[in-house]
PDB file of N, CA and C in Angstrom:
ATOM      1  N   MET A   1       0.674  -0.942   0.051  1.00  0.00           N
ATOM      2  CA  MET A   1      -0.024   0.101   0.079  1.00  0.00           C
ATOM      3  C   MET A   1       0.917   1.123   0.083  1.00  0.00           C
ATOM      4  N   SER A   2       0.749   1.992  -1.024  1.00  0.00           N
ATOM      5  CA  SER A   2       1.396   3.405  -1.214  1.00  0.00           C
ATOM      6  C   SER A   2       1.183   4.305  -0.128  1.00  0.00           C
ATOM      7  N   LYS A   3       1.655   5.617   0.129  1.00  0.00           N
ATOM      8  CA  LYS A   3       1.135   6.549   0.788  1.00  0.00           C
ATOM      9  C   LYS A   3       0.225   7.117   0.268  1.00  0.00           C
ATOM     10  N   LYS A   4       0.110   7.501  -1.073  1.00  0.00           N
ATOM     11  CA  LYS A   4      -0.810   7.883  -1.864  1.00  0.00           C
ATOM     12  C   LYS A   4      -2.216   7.247  -1.352  1.00  0.00           C
ATOM     13  N   ASP A   5      -2.437   6.004  -1.448  1.00  0.00           N
ATOM     14  CA  ASP A   5      -3.703   5.296  -1.101  1.00  0.00           C
ATOM     15  C   ASP A   5      -4.121   5.496   0.218  1.00  0.00           C
ATOM     16  N   GLY A   6      -3.783   6.104   1.383  1.00  0.00           N
ATOM     17  CA  GLY A   6      -4.102   6.170   2.711  1.00  0.00           C
ATOM     18  C   GLY A   6      -4.639   7.642   2.839  1.00  0.00           C
ATOM     19  N   MET A   7      -4.236   8.257   1.731  1.00  0.00           N
ATOM     20  CA  MET A   7      -4.058   9.874   2.029  1.00  0.00           C
ATOM     21  C   MET A   7      -5.555  10.403   1.552  1.00  0.00           C
ATOM     22  N   LYS A   8      -6.098  11.282   2.335  1.00  0.00           N
ATOM     23  CA  LYS A   8      -7.229  11.847   2.224  1.00  0.00           C
ATOM     24  C   LYS A   8      -7.079  13.217   1.164  1.00  0.00           C
ATOM     25  N   HIS A   9      -8.054  13.373   0.345  1.00  0.00           N
ATOM     26  CA  HIS A   9      -7.535  14.582  -0.596  1.00  0.00           C
ATOM     27  C   HIS A   9      -8.301  15.786   0.397  1.00  0.00           C
ATOM     28  N   ARG A  10      -7.419  16.851   0.159  1.00  0.00           N
ATOM     29  CA  ARG A  10      -8.065  18.244   0.772  1.00  0.00           C
ATOM     30  C   ARG A  10      -8.961  18.727   0.119  1.00  0.00           C
ATOM     31  N   ALA A  11     -10.259  18.788   0.737  1.00  0.00           N
ATOM     32  CA  ALA A  11     -11.389  19.768   0.487  1.00  0.00           C
ATOM     33  C   ALA A  11     -11.058  21.120  -0.168  1.00  0.00           C
ATOM     34  N   ARG A  12     -11.449  21.539  -1.457  1.00  0.00           N
ATOM     35  CA  ARG A  12     -11.310  22.836  -1.703  1.00  0.00           C
ATOM     36  C   ARG A  12     -12.770  23.573  -1.957  1.00  0.00           C
ATOM     37  N   TYR A  13     -12.929  24.802  -1.932  1.00  0.00           N
ATOM     38  CA  TYR A  13     -14.156  25.347  -1.655  1.00  0.00           C
ATOM     39  C   TYR A  13     -14.058  26.603  -2.733  1.00  0.00           C
ATOM     40  N   THR A  14     -15.125  26.883  -3.628  1.00  0.00           N
ATOM     41  CA  THR A  14     -15.183  27.987  -4.155  1.00  0.00           C
ATOM     42  C   THR A  14     -15.361  29.496  -3.408  1.00  0.00           C
ATOM     43  N   LEU A  15     -14.916  30.484  -3.759  1.00  0.00           N
ATOM     44  CA  LEU A  15     -15.155  31.953  -2.963  1.00  0.00           C
ATOM     45  C   LEU A  15     -16.352  32.203  -2.831  1.00  0.00           C
ATOM     46  N   GLU A  16     -17.512  31.825  -3.603  1.00  0.00           N
ATOM     47  CA  GLU A  16     -18.727  32.132  -3.206  1.00  0.00           C
ATOM     48  C   GLU A  16     -19.067  31.136  -2.090  1.00  0.00           C
ATOM     49  N   PHE A  17     -18.775  29.982  -2.073  1.00  0.00           N
ATOM     50  CA  PHE A  17     -18.957  29.125  -0.947  1.00  0.00           C
ATOM     51  C   PHE A  17     -18.539  29.754   0.345  1.00  0.00           C
ATOM     52  N   LYS A  18     -17.114  30.044   0.238  1.00  0.00           N
ATOM     53  CA  LYS A  18     -16.715  30.712   1.728  1.00  0.00           C
ATOM     54  C   LYS A  18     -17.485  32.066   1.851  1.00  0.00           C
ATOM     55  N   LEU A  19     -17.976  32.736   1.107  1.00  0.00           N
ATOM     56  CA  LEU A  19     -18.338  34.228   1.481  1.00  0.00           C
ATOM     57  C   LEU A  19     -19.958  33.607   2.004  1.00  0.00           C
ATOM     58  N   GLU A  20     -20.592  32.588   1.462  1.00  0.00           N
ATOM     59  CA  GLU A  20     -21.804  32.563   1.930  1.00  0.00           C
ATOM     60  C   GLU A  20     -21.935  31.798   3.531  1.00  0.00           C
ATOM     61  N   ALA A  21     -20.697  31.172   3.861  1.00  0.00           N
ATOM     62  CA  ALA A  21     -20.433  30.635   4.998  1.00  0.00           C
ATOM     63  C   ALA A  21     -20.249  32.112   6.028  1.00  0.00           C
ATOM     64  N   VAL A  22     -19.314  32.668   5.500  1.00  0.00           N
ATOM     65  CA  VAL A  22     -19.112  33.935   6.591  1.00  0.00           C
ATOM     66  C   VAL A  22     -20.204  34.889   6.529  1.00  0.00           C
ATOM     67  N   ARG A  23     -21.039  34.907   5.473  1.00  0.00           N
ATOM     68  CA  ARG A  23     -22.442  35.711   5.640  1.00  0.00           C
ATOM     69  C   ARG A  23     -23.344  34.869   6.745  1.00  0.00           C
ATOM     70  N   LEU A  24     -23.369  33.870   6.594  1.00  0.00           N
ATOM     71  CA  LEU A  24     -24.266  33.315   7.636  1.00  0.00           C
ATOM     72  C   LEU A  24     -23.808  33.331   9.081  1.00  0.00           C
ATOM     73  N   VAL A  25     -22.714  33.329   9.486  1.00  0.00           N
ATOM     74  CA  VAL A  25     -22.245  33.442  10.730  1.00  0.00           C
ATOM     75  C   VAL A  25     -22.311  35.089  11.169  1.00  0.00           C
ATOM     76  N   LYS A  26     -22.271  35.987  10.125  1.00  0.00           N
ATOM     77  CA  LYS A  26     -22.079  37.397  10.220  1.00  0.00           C
ATOM     78  C   LYS A  26     -23.385  37.800  10.483  1.00  0.00           C
ATOM     79  N   ALA A  27     -24.442  37.034   9.920  1.00  0.00           N
ATOM     80  CA  ALA A  27     -25.670  37.385  10.315  1.00  0.00           C
ATOM     81  C   ALA A  27     -26.469  36.674  11.463  1.00  0.00           C
ATOM     82  N   GLY A  28     -25.780  36.321  12.235  1.00  0.00           N
ATOM     83  CA  GLY A  28     -26.057  35.896  13.729  1.00  0.00           C
ATOM     84  C   GLY A  28     -26.011  34.106  13.926  1.00  0.00           C
ATOM     85  N   GLN A  29     -25.711  33.231  12.754  1.00  0.00           N
ATOM     86  CA  GLN A  29     -25.840  31.984  12.811  1.00  0.00           C
ATOM     87  C   GLN A  29     -24.393  31.978  13.797  1.00  0.00           C
ATOM     88  N   GLU A  30     -24.491  30.448  14.577  1.00  0.00           N
ATOM     89  CA  GLU A  30     -23.510  30.125  15.601  1.00  0.00           C
ATOM     90  C   GLU A  30     -22.494  29.390  14.391  1.00  0.00           C
ATOM     91  N   ALA A  31     -21.181  29.698  14.638  1.00  0.00           N
ATOM     92  CA  ALA A  31     -20.022  29.259  13.714  1.00  0.00           C
ATOM     93  C   ALA A  31     -20.186  27.748  13.815  1.00  0.00           C
ATOM     94  N   SER A  32     -20.107  27.306  15.102  1.00  0.00           N
ATOM     95  CA  SER A  32     -20.204  25.950  14.858  1.00  0.00           C
ATOM     96  C   SER A  32     -21.573  25.193  14.461  1.00  0.00           C
ATOM     97  N   VAL A  33     -22.379  25.711  14.619  1.00  0.00           N
ATOM     98  CA  VAL A  33     -23.617  25.011  13.805  1.00  0.00           C
ATOM     99  C   VAL A  33     -23.455  25.292  12.194  1.00  0.00           C
ATOM    100  N   THR A  34     -23.022  26.356  12.066  1.00  0.00           N
ATOM    101  CA  THR A  34     -22.710  26.656  10.470  1.00  0.00           C
ATOM    102  C   THR A  34     -21.883  25.826   9.927  1.00  0.00           C
ATOM    103  N   ALA A  35     -20.852  25.548  10.327  1.00  0.00           N
ATOM    104  CA  ALA A  35     -19.569  24.687  10.189  1.00  0.00           C
ATOM    105  C   ALA A  35     -20.233  23.008   9.990  1.00  0.00           C
ATOM    106  N   ARG A  36     -20.857  22.838  11.127  1.00  0.00           N
ATOM    107  CA  ARG A  36     -21.661  21.308  10.949  1.00  0.00           C
ATOM    108  C   ARG A  36     -22.385  21.042   9.556  1.00  0.00           C
ATOM    109  N   VAL A  37     -23.109  22.215   9.640  1.00  0.00           N
ATOM    110  CA  VAL A  37     -24.480  22.321   8.484  1.00  0.00           C
ATOM    111  C   VAL A  37     -23.635  21.979   7.298  1.00  0.00           C
ATOM    112  N   LEU A  38     -22.843  23.029   6.910  1.00  0.00           N
ATOM    113  CA  LEU A  38     -22.105  22.902   5.341  1.00  0.00           C
ATOM    114  C   LEU A  38     -20.931  21.996   5.616  1.00  0.00           C
ATOM    115  N   GLY A  39     -20.604  21.414   6.692  1.00  0.00           N
ATOM    116  CA  GLY A  39     -19.821  20.018   6.164  1.00  0.00           C
ATOM    117  C   GLY A  39     -18.273  20.601   6.320  1.00  0.00           C
ATOM    118  N   VAL A  40     -17.810  21.266   7.095  1.00  0.00           N
ATOM    119  CA  VAL A  40     -16.614  22.110   7.089  1.00  0.00           C
ATOM    120  C   VAL A  40     -16.052  21.993   8.633  1.00  0.00           C
ATOM    121  N   PRO A  41     -14.645  21.807   9.025  1.00  0.00           N
ATOM    122  CA  PRO A  41     -14.417  22.073  10.031  1.00  0.00           C
ATOM    123  C   PRO A  41     -14.281  23.589  10.796  1.00  0.00           C
ATOM    124  N   LYS A  42     -14.774  23.535  11.813  1.00  0.00           N
ATOM    125  CA  LYS A  42     -14.905  24.891  12.753  1.00  0.00           C
ATOM    126  C   LYS A  42     -13.819  25.685  12.630  1.00  0.00           C
ATOM    127  N   ALA A  43     -12.871  25.139  12.614  1.00  0.00           N
ATOM    128  CA  ALA A  43     -11.319  25.811  12.234  1.00  0.00           C
ATOM    129  C   ALA A  43     -11.286  26.564  11.207  1.00  0.00           C
ATOM    130  N   THR A  44     -11.575  25.824  10.155  1.00  0.00           N
ATOM    131  CA  THR A  44     -11.632  26.060   8.429  1.00  0.00           C
ATOM    132  C   THR A  44     -12.197  27.667   8.782  1.00  0.00           C
ATOM    133  N   LEU A  45     -13.705  27.262   9.054  1.00  0.00           N
ATOM    134  CA  LEU A  45     -14.704  28.495   9.220  1.00  0.00           C
ATOM    135  C   LEU A  45     -14.134  29.889   9.859  1.00  0.00           C
ATOM    136  N   SER A  46     -13.494  29.384  10.975  1.00  0.00           N
ATOM    137  CA  SER A  46     -12.852  30.578  11.662  1.00  0.00           C
ATOM    138  C   SER A  46     -11.915  30.971  10.850  1.00  0.00           C
ATOM    139  N   ASN A  47     -11.097  30.506  10.150  1.00  0.00           N
ATOM    140  CA  ASN A  47     -10.087  31.021   9.183  1.00  0.00           C
ATOM    141  C   ASN A  47     -10.693  31.884   8.221  1.00  0.00           C
ATOM    142  N   TRP A  48     -11.773  31.566   7.615  1.00  0.00           N
ATOM    143  CA  TRP A  48     -12.421  32.155   6.478  1.00  0.00           C
ATOM    144  C   TRP A  48     -12.800  33.723   7.145  1.00  0.00           C
ATOM    145  N   MET A  49     -13.559  33.453   8.412  1.00  0.00           N
ATOM    146  CA  MET A  49     -13.980  34.850   8.914  1.00  0.00           C
ATOM    147  C   MET A  49     -12.833  35.565   9.047  1.00  0.00           C
ATOM    148  N   ARG A  50     -11.874  35.329   9.662  1.00  0.00           N
ATOM    149  CA  ARG A  50     -10.441  36.117  10.028  1.00  0.00           C
ATOM    150  C   ARG A  50     -10.070  36.740   8.575  1.00  0.00           C
ATOM    151  N   LEU A  51      -9.968  35.778   7.359  1.00  0.00           N
ATOM    152  CA  LEU A  51      -9.312  36.158   6.188  1.00  0.00           C
ATOM    153  C   LEU A  51     -10.304  37.308   5.633  1.00  0.00           C
ATOM    154  N   ALA A  52     -11.697  36.795   5.756  1.00  0.00           N
ATOM    155  CA  ALA A  52     -12.753  37.962   5.083  1.00  0.00           C
ATOM    156  C   ALA A  52     -12.568  39.321   5.857  1.00  0.00           C
ATOM    157  N   GLU A  53     -12.391  39.044   6.980  1.00  0.00           N
ATOM    158  CA  GLU A  53     -12.507  40.839   7.931  1.00  0.00           C
ATOM    159  C   GLU A  53     -11.074  41.421   7.306  1.00  0.00           C
ATOM    160  N   ARG A  54     -10.113  40.724   7.078  1.00  0.00           N
ATOM    161  CA  ARG A  54      -8.802  41.515   6.402  1.00  0.00           C
ATOM    162  C   ARG A  54      -8.771  41.709   4.923  1.00  0.00           C
ATOM    163  N   GLY A  55      -9.843  40.936   4.286  1.00  0.00           N
ATOM    164  CA  GLY A  55     -10.180  41.192   2.665  1.00  0.00           C
ATOM    165  C   GLY A  55      -9.331  40.089   1.999  1.00  0.00           C
ATOM    166  N   GLU A  56      -8.774  39.209   2.561  1.00  0.00           N
ATOM    167  CA  GLU A  56      -7.918  38.120   1.882  1.00  0.00           C
ATOM    168  C   GLU A  56      -8.529  37.084   1.932  1.00  0.00           C
ATOM    169  N   LEU A  57      -9.782  36.662   1.482  1.00  0.00           N
ATOM    170  CA  LEU A  57     -10.287  35.416   1.433  1.00  0.00           C
ATOM    171  C   LEU A  57     -10.317  35.175  -0.127  1.00  0.00           C
ATOM    172  N   GLN A  58      -9.652  33.896  -0.312  1.00  0.00           N
ATOM    173  CA  GLN A  58      -9.678  33.706  -1.796  1.00  0.00           C
ATOM    174  C   GLN A  58     -10.355  32.172  -1.730  1.00  0.00           C
ATOM    175  N   GLY A  59     -10.795  31.958  -3.154  1.00  0.00           N
ATOM    176  CA  GLY A  59     -11.380  30.700  -3.470  1.00  0.00           C
ATOM    177  C   GLY A  59     -10.602  29.814  -4.292  1.00  0.00           C
ATOM    178  N   ALA A  60     -10.797  28.519  -4.559  1.00  0.00           N
ATOM    179  CA  ALA A  60     -10.591  27.734  -5.399  1.00  0.00           C
ATOM    180  C   ALA A  60     -11.294  26.987  -6.095  1.00  0.00           C
ATOM    181  N   GLY A  61     -11.113  26.650  -7.561  1.00  0.00           N
ATOM    182  CA  GLY A  61     -12.087  26.356  -8.443  1.00  0.00           C
ATOM    183  C   GLY A  61     -12.222  24.905  -8.248  1.00  0.00           C
ATOM    184  N   ASP A  62     -11.619  24.277  -7.583  1.00  0.00           N
ATOM    185  CA  ASP A  62     -11.367  22.939  -7.755  1.00  0.00           C
ATOM    186  C   ASP A  62     -12.573  22.048  -7.482  1.00  0.00           C
ATOM    187  N   LYS A  63     -13.502  22.846  -6.912  1.00  0.00           N
ATOM    188  CA  LYS A  63     -14.591  22.141  -5.906  1.00  0.00           C
ATOM    189  C   LYS A  63     -16.192  23.214  -6.292  1.00  0.00           C
ATOM    190  N   PRO A  64     -16.394  23.116  -7.522  1.00  0.00           N
ATOM    191  CA  PRO A  64     -17.340  24.073  -7.690  1.00  0.00           C
ATOM    192  C   PRO A  64     -18.902  23.777  -7.080  1.00  0.00           C
ATOM    193  N   VAL A  65     -19.385  24.870  -6.414  1.00  0.00           N
ATOM    194  CA  VAL A  65     -20.619  24.760  -5.747  1.00  0.00           C
ATOM    195  C   VAL A  65     -21.737  25.245  -6.655  1.00  0.00           C
ATOM    196  N   SER A  66     -22.661  24.403  -7.053  1.00  0.00           N
ATOM    197  CA  SER A  66     -23.851  24.741  -7.818  1.00  0.00           C
ATOM    198  C   SER A  66     -24.882  25.540  -7.108  1.00  0.00           C
ATOM    199  N   PRO A  67     -25.617  26.393  -7.641  1.00  0.00           N
ATOM    200  CA  PRO A  67     -26.709  27.278  -7.049  1.00  0.00           C
ATOM    201  C   PRO A  67     -27.346  26.439  -5.993  1.00  0.00           C
ATOM    202  N   GLU A  68     -27.786  25.184  -6.651  1.00  0.00           N
ATOM    203  CA  GLU A  68     -28.583  24.392  -5.715  1.00  0.00           C
ATOM    204  C   GLU A  68     -27.706  23.738  -4.384  1.00  0.00           C
ATOM    205  N   GLN A  69     -26.789  23.861  -4.598  1.00  0.00           N
ATOM    206  CA  GLN A  69     -25.984  23.120  -3.324  1.00  0.00           C
ATOM    207  C   GLN A  69     -25.680  24.321  -2.299  1.00  0.00           C
ATOM    208  N   MET A  70     -25.627  25.568  -2.819  1.00  0.00           N
ATOM    209  CA  MET A  70     -25.433  26.564  -1.782  1.00  0.00           C
ATOM    210  C   MET A  70     -27.223  26.985  -1.265  1.00  0.00           C
ATOM    211  N   GLU A  71     -28.028  26.863  -1.664  1.00  0.00           N
ATOM    212  CA  GLU A  71     -29.720  26.911  -1.402  1.00  0.00           C
ATOM    213  C   GLU A  71     -29.644  25.832  -0.498  1.00  0.00           C
ATOM    214  N   LEU A  72     -29.010  24.632  -0.818  1.00  0.00           N
ATOM    215  CA  LEU A  72     -29.192  23.546   0.246  1.00  0.00           C
ATOM    216  C   LEU A  72     -28.560  24.112   1.575  1.00  0.00           C
ATOM    217  N   ALA A  73     -27.379  24.396   1.437  1.00  0.00           N
ATOM    218  CA  ALA A  73     -26.570  24.724   2.531  1.00  0.00           C
ATOM    219  C   ALA A  73     -27.116  25.965   3.471  1.00  0.00           C
ATOM    220  N   ARG A  74     -27.782  26.850   2.565  1.00  0.00           N
ATOM    221  CA  ARG A  74     -28.563  28.129   3.349  1.00  0.00           C
ATOM    222  C   ARG A  74     -29.536  27.490   3.916  1.00  0.00           C
ATOM    223  N   LEU A  75     -30.253  26.762   3.345  1.00  0.00           N
ATOM    224  CA  LEU A  75     -31.859  26.378   3.960  1.00  0.00           C
ATOM    225  C   LEU A  75     -31.273  25.260   5.095  1.00  0.00           C
ATOM    226  N   ARG A  76     -30.041  24.543   5.209  1.00  0.00           N
ATOM    227  CA  ARG A  76     -29.643  23.694   6.434  1.00  0.00           C
ATOM    228  C   ARG A  76     -29.252  24.688   7.593  1.00  0.00           C
ATOM    229  N   ALA A  77     -28.703  25.528   7.342  1.00  0.00           N
ATOM    230  CA  ALA A  77     -28.334  26.338   8.423  1.00  0.00           C
ATOM    231  C   ALA A  77     -29.722  27.161   8.934  1.00  0.00           C
ATOM    232  N   GLU A  78     -30.501  27.880   8.161  1.00  0.00           N
ATOM    233  CA  GLU A  78     -31.534  28.171   8.438  1.00  0.00           C
ATOM    234  C   GLU A  78     -32.549  27.126   9.363  1.00  0.00           C
ATOM    235  N   LEU A  79     -32.365  26.027   9.076  1.00  0.00           N
ATOM    236  CA  LEU A  79     -33.274  25.282   9.808  1.00  0.00           C
ATOM    237  C   LEU A  79     -32.437  25.046  10.888  1.00  0.00           C
ATOM    238  N   ALA A  80     -31.340  24.968  11.355  1.00  0.00           N
ATOM    239  CA  ALA A  80     -30.559  24.875  12.596  1.00  0.00           C
ATOM    240  C   ALA A  80     -30.728  25.889  13.513  1.00  0.00           C
ATOM    241  N   ARG A  81     -30.843  27.011  12.890  1.00  0.00           N
ATOM    242  CA  ARG A  81     -31.150  28.374  13.375  1.00  0.00           C
ATOM    243  C   ARG A  81     -32.515  28.025  14.099  1.00  0.00           C
ATOM    244  N   VAL A  82     -33.552  28.063  13.324  1.00  0.00           N
ATOM    245  CA  VAL A  82     -34.987  28.042  13.766  1.00  0.00           C
ATOM    246  C   VAL A  82     -35.128  26.858  14.812  1.00  0.00           C
ATOM    247  N   LYS A  83     -34.188  25.684  14.549  1.00  0.00           N
ATOM    248  CA  LYS A  83     -34.430  24.358  15.682  1.00  0.00           C
ATOM    249  C   LYS A  83     -33.835  25.017  16.783  1.00  0.00           C
ATOM    250  N   MET A  84     -32.926  25.666  16.981  1.00  0.00           N
ATOM    251  CA  MET A  84     -32.147  26.149  18.065  1.00  0.00           C
ATOM    252  C   MET A  84     -33.235  27.251  18.970  1.00  0.00           C
ATOM    253  N   GLU A  85     -33.846  28.144  18.263  1.00  0.00           N
ATOM    254  CA  GLU A  85     -34.839  29.289  18.745  1.00  0.00           C
ATOM    255  C   GLU A  85     -36.053  28.535  19.259  1.00  0.00           C
ATOM    256  N   ARG A  86     -36.291  27.254  18.704  1.00  0.00           N
ATOM    257  CA  ARG A  86     -37.488  26.492  19.170  1.00  0.00           C
ATOM    258  C   ARG A  86     -37.308  25.819  20.402  1.00  0.00           C
ATOM    259  N   ASP A  87     -36.204  25.074  20.475  1.00  0.00           N
ATOM    260  CA  ASP A  87     -35.469  24.973  21.644  1.00  0.00           C
ATOM    261  C   ASP A  87     -35.611  25.902  22.773  1.00  0.00           C
ATOM    262  N   ILE A  88     -34.860  26.943  22.466  1.00  0.00           N
ATOM    263  CA  ILE A  88     -34.857  27.953  23.496  1.00  0.00           C
ATOM    264  C   ILE A  88     -36.432  28.535  23.850  1.00  0.00           C
ATOM    265  N   LEU A  89     -37.392  28.816  23.023  1.00  0.00           N
ATOM    266  CA  LEU A  89     -38.460  28.675  23.480  1.00  0.00           C
ATOM    267  C   LEU A  89     -39.496  28.029  24.015  1.00  0.00           C
ATOM    268  N   LYS A  90     -39.146  26.397  24.224  1.00  0.00           N
ATOM    269  CA  LYS A  90     -39.659  25.447  24.880  1.00  0.00           C
ATOM    270  C   LYS A  90     -39.212  25.707  26.094  1.00  0.00           C
ATOM    271  N   LYS A  91     -37.936  26.218  26.322  1.00  0.00           N
ATOM    272  CA  LYS A  91     -37.227  25.892  27.783  1.00  0.00           C
ATOM    273  C   LYS A  91     -37.796  27.301  28.735  1.00  0.00           C
ATOM    274  N   ALA A  92     -37.709  28.169  27.850  1.00  0.00           N
ATOM    275  CA  ALA A  92     -38.371  29.574  28.490  1.00  0.00           C
ATOM    276  C   ALA A  92     -40.147  29.259  28.814  1.00  0.00           C
ATOM    277  N   THR A  93     -40.740  28.657  28.071  1.00  0.00           N
ATOM    278  CA  THR A  93     -42.275  28.531  28.558  1.00  0.00           C
ATOM    279  C   THR A  93     -42.242  27.347  29.422  1.00  0.00           C
ATOM    280  N   ALA A  94     -41.624  26.180  29.558  1.00  0.00           N
ATOM    281  CA  ALA A  94     -41.653  25.332  30.725  1.00  0.00           C
ATOM    282  C   ALA A  94     -41.082  26.518  32.123  1.00  0.00           C
ATOM    283  N   TYR A  95     -40.162  27.324  31.809  1.00  0.00           N
ATOM    284  CA  TYR A  95     -39.589  28.031  32.914  1.00  0.00           C
ATOM    285  C   TYR A  95     -40.542  28.773  33.587  1.00  0.00           C
ATOM    286  N   PHE A  96     -41.429  29.584  32.657  1.00  0.00           N
ATOM    287  CA  PHE A  96     -42.377  30.509  33.037  1.00  0.00           C
ATOM    288  C   PHE A  96     -43.845  29.866  33.687  1.00  0.00           C
ATOM    289  N   ALA A  97     -44.037  28.807  33.129  1.00  0.00           N
ATOM    290  CA  ALA A  97     -45.301  28.053  33.267  1.00  0.00           C
ATOM    291  C   ALA A  97     -45.134  27.204  34.561  1.00  0.00           C
ATOM    292  N   LYS A  98     -43.749  27.113  35.263  1.00  0.00           N
ATOM    293  CA  LYS A  98     -43.367  26.424  36.438  1.00  0.00           C
ATOM    294  C   LYS A  98     -43.413  27.426  37.230  1.00  0.00           C
ATOM    295  N   GLU A  99     -43.065  28.624  36.922  1.00  0.00           N
ATOM    296  CA  GLU A  99     -43.260  29.821  37.746  1.00  0.00           C
ATOM    297  C   GLU A  99     -44.651  30.237  38.272  1.00  0.00           C
ATOM    298  N   SER A 100     -45.455  30.412  37.041  1.00  0.00           N
ATOM    299  CA  SER A 100     -46.578  30.856  37.582  1.00  0.00           C
ATOM    300  C   SER A 100     -47.596  29.996  38.342  1.00  0.00           C
ATOM    301  N   LEU A 101     -47.119  28.688  38.571  1.00  0.00           N
ATOM    302  CA  LEU A 101     -47.858  27.978  39.555  1.00  0.00           C
ATOM    303  C   LEU A 101     -47.943  28.217  41.012  1.00  0.00           C
TER     304      LEU A 101
END
């Protein structure tokens, strides 16, 4: 077995994909949730955020992302955000229901 057989290929993302991920975080989405939903490591997303702030974010054309994939990623992130909000409201409702007894 050669060294090449056991190696993983490094994922490469387009600039549009990275910018959308950064936009989601800046819009209030948790970075960890966004990273999980988009399927990228949280450290990678943090790097993209830092580079975007400095205006140095660049993309790679090796992994094209179709508009459908971008929309799917956006919808997944939105769903994760809505689920988190729902869970917070459930806990708040239970807390205030217990307090009013």
